Amino acid sequence: MLHFTLLVYGLLLSFVLASAGRNRREGRDHAPMLVYAGYVLCGLSAGAAVGLPLIASMGVDLMPLVA
């Protein structure tokens, strides 16, 4: 299940970044849903960047949950 979630996250992130780059290149405004999706993905990335080292510092082993 984690693999599927990471695949969807990666595809969505790729779509948002490609769409934002295309809009910037063509000089158009971003769609509101694109902006909201970008903020959500940014929050998820920041949360993972802060949360995963904290979990690792507590000595919690996440690998049995993945397998």
C-alpha atoms as a PDB file:
ATOM      1  CA  MET A   1       0.000   0.000   0.000  1.00  0.00           C
ATOM      2  CA  LEU A   2       2.902   2.324   0.742  1.00  0.00           C
ATOM      3  CA  HIS A   3       4.299   1.769  -2.750  1.00  0.00           C
ATOM      4  CA  PHE A   4       1.005   2.807  -4.328  1.00  0.00           C
ATOM      5  CA  THR A   5       0.806   5.904  -2.121  1.00  0.00           C
ATOM      6  CA  LEU A   6       4.332   6.952  -3.062  1.00  0.00           C
ATOM      7  CA  LEU A   7       3.579   6.382  -6.739  1.00  0.00           C
ATOM      8  CA  VAL A   8       0.482   8.588  -6.572  1.00  0.00           C
ATOM      9  CA  TYR A   9       2.422  11.235  -4.622  1.00  0.00           C
ATOM     10  CA  GLY A  10       5.197  11.254  -7.218  1.00  0.00           C
ATOM     11  CA  LEU A  11       2.813  11.445 -10.161  1.00  0.00           C
ATOM     12  CA  LEU A  12       0.817  14.259  -8.566  1.00  0.00           C
ATOM     13  CA  LEU A  13       3.982  16.170  -7.697  1.00  0.00           C
ATOM     14  CA  SER A  14       5.271  15.776 -11.253  1.00  0.00           C
ATOM     15  CA  PHE A  15       1.970  16.997 -12.694  1.00  0.00           C
ATOM     16  CA  VAL A  16       1.807  20.048 -10.412  1.00  0.00           C
ATOM     17  CA  LEU A  17       5.391  21.099 -11.111  1.00  0.00           C
ATOM     18  CA  ALA A  18       5.040  20.586 -14.877  1.00  0.00           C
ATOM     19  CA  SER A  19       1.777  22.538 -14.955  1.00  0.00           C
ATOM     20  CA  ALA A  20       3.225  25.391 -12.905  1.00  0.00           C
ATOM     21  CA  GLY A  21       6.262  25.576 -15.178  1.00  0.00           C
ATOM     22  CA  ARG A  22       4.119  25.599 -18.276  1.00  0.00           C
ATOM     23  CA  ASN A  23       1.866  28.326 -16.892  1.00  0.00           C
ATOM     24  CA  ARG A  24       4.877  30.445 -15.966  1.00  0.00           C
ATOM     25  CA  ARG A  25       6.433  29.967 -19.412  1.00  0.00           C
ATOM     26  CA  GLU A  26       3.184  30.967 -21.157  1.00  0.00           C
ATOM     27  CA  GLY A  27       2.514  33.856 -18.764  1.00  0.00           C
ATOM     28  CA  ARG A  28      -0.828  32.519 -17.526  1.00  0.00           C
ATOM     29  CA  ASP A  29      -2.232  32.494 -14.006  1.00  0.00           C
ATOM     30  CA  HIS A  30      -2.260  29.230 -12.101  1.00  0.00           C
ATOM     31  CA  ALA A  31      -5.576  27.503 -11.541  1.00  0.00           C
ATOM     32  CA  PRO A  32      -6.708  27.673  -7.890  1.00  0.00           C
ATOM     33  CA  MET A  33      -6.821  23.861  -7.624  1.00  0.00           C
ATOM     34  CA  LEU A  34      -3.214  23.686  -8.853  1.00  0.00           C
ATOM     35  CA  VAL A  35      -2.129  26.136  -6.167  1.00  0.00           C
ATOM     36  CA  TYR A  36      -4.004  24.215  -3.444  1.00  0.00           C
ATOM     37  CA  ALA A  37      -2.515  20.907  -4.580  1.00  0.00           C
ATOM     38  CA  GLY A  38       0.950  22.496  -4.528  1.00  0.00           C
ATOM     39  CA  TYR A  39       0.455  23.721  -0.965  1.00  0.00           C
ATOM     40  CA  VAL A  40      -0.754  20.289   0.163  1.00  0.00           C
ATOM     41  CA  LEU A  41       2.222  18.557  -1.439  1.00  0.00           C
ATOM     42  CA  CYS A  42       4.590  21.114   0.066  1.00  0.00           C
ATOM     43  CA  GLY A  43       3.058  20.511   3.503  1.00  0.00           C
ATOM     44  CA  LEU A  44       3.339  16.741   3.128  1.00  0.00           C
ATOM     45  CA  SER A  45       6.975  17.033   2.100  1.00  0.00           C
ATOM     46  CA  ALA A  46       7.795  19.379   4.984  1.00  0.00           C
ATOM     47  CA  GLY A  47       5.943  17.147   7.437  1.00  0.00           C
ATOM     48  CA  ALA A  48       7.857  14.095   6.267  1.00  0.00           C
ATOM     49  CA  ALA A  49      11.157  16.000   6.419  1.00  0.00           C
ATOM     50  CA  VAL A  50      10.494  16.918  10.050  1.00  0.00           C
ATOM     51  CA  GLY A  51       8.591  13.843  11.192  1.00  0.00           C
ATOM     52  CA  LEU A  52      10.732  11.018   9.867  1.00  0.00           C
ATOM     53  CA  PRO A  53      13.959  12.099  11.608  1.00  0.00           C
ATOM     54  CA  LEU A  54      12.013  12.601  14.837  1.00  0.00           C
ATOM     55  CA  ILE A  55      10.561   9.112  14.597  1.00  0.00           C
ATOM     56  CA  ALA A  56      14.003   7.700  13.818  1.00  0.00           C
ATOM     57  CA  SER A  57      15.544   9.532  16.793  1.00  0.00           C
ATOM     58  CA  MET A  58      12.998   7.864  19.099  1.00  0.00           C
ATOM     59  CA  GLY A  59      14.217   4.493  17.905  1.00  0.00           C
ATOM     60  CA  VAL A  60      11.000   3.410  16.191  1.00  0.00           C
ATOM     61  CA  ASP A  61      11.603   0.873  13.429  1.00  0.00           C
ATOM     62  CA  LEU A  62       9.260   1.564  10.515  1.00  0.00           C
ATOM     63  CA  MET A  63      10.503  -1.218   8.248  1.00  0.00           C
ATOM     64  CA  PRO A  64       8.322  -3.994   9.747  1.00  0.00           C
ATOM     65  CA  LEU A  65       5.302  -1.826   8.951  1.00  0.00           C
ATOM     66  CA  VAL A  66       6.383  -1.476   5.303  1.00  0.00           C
ATOM     67  CA  ALA A  67       7.040  -5.151   4.616  1.00  0.00           C
END
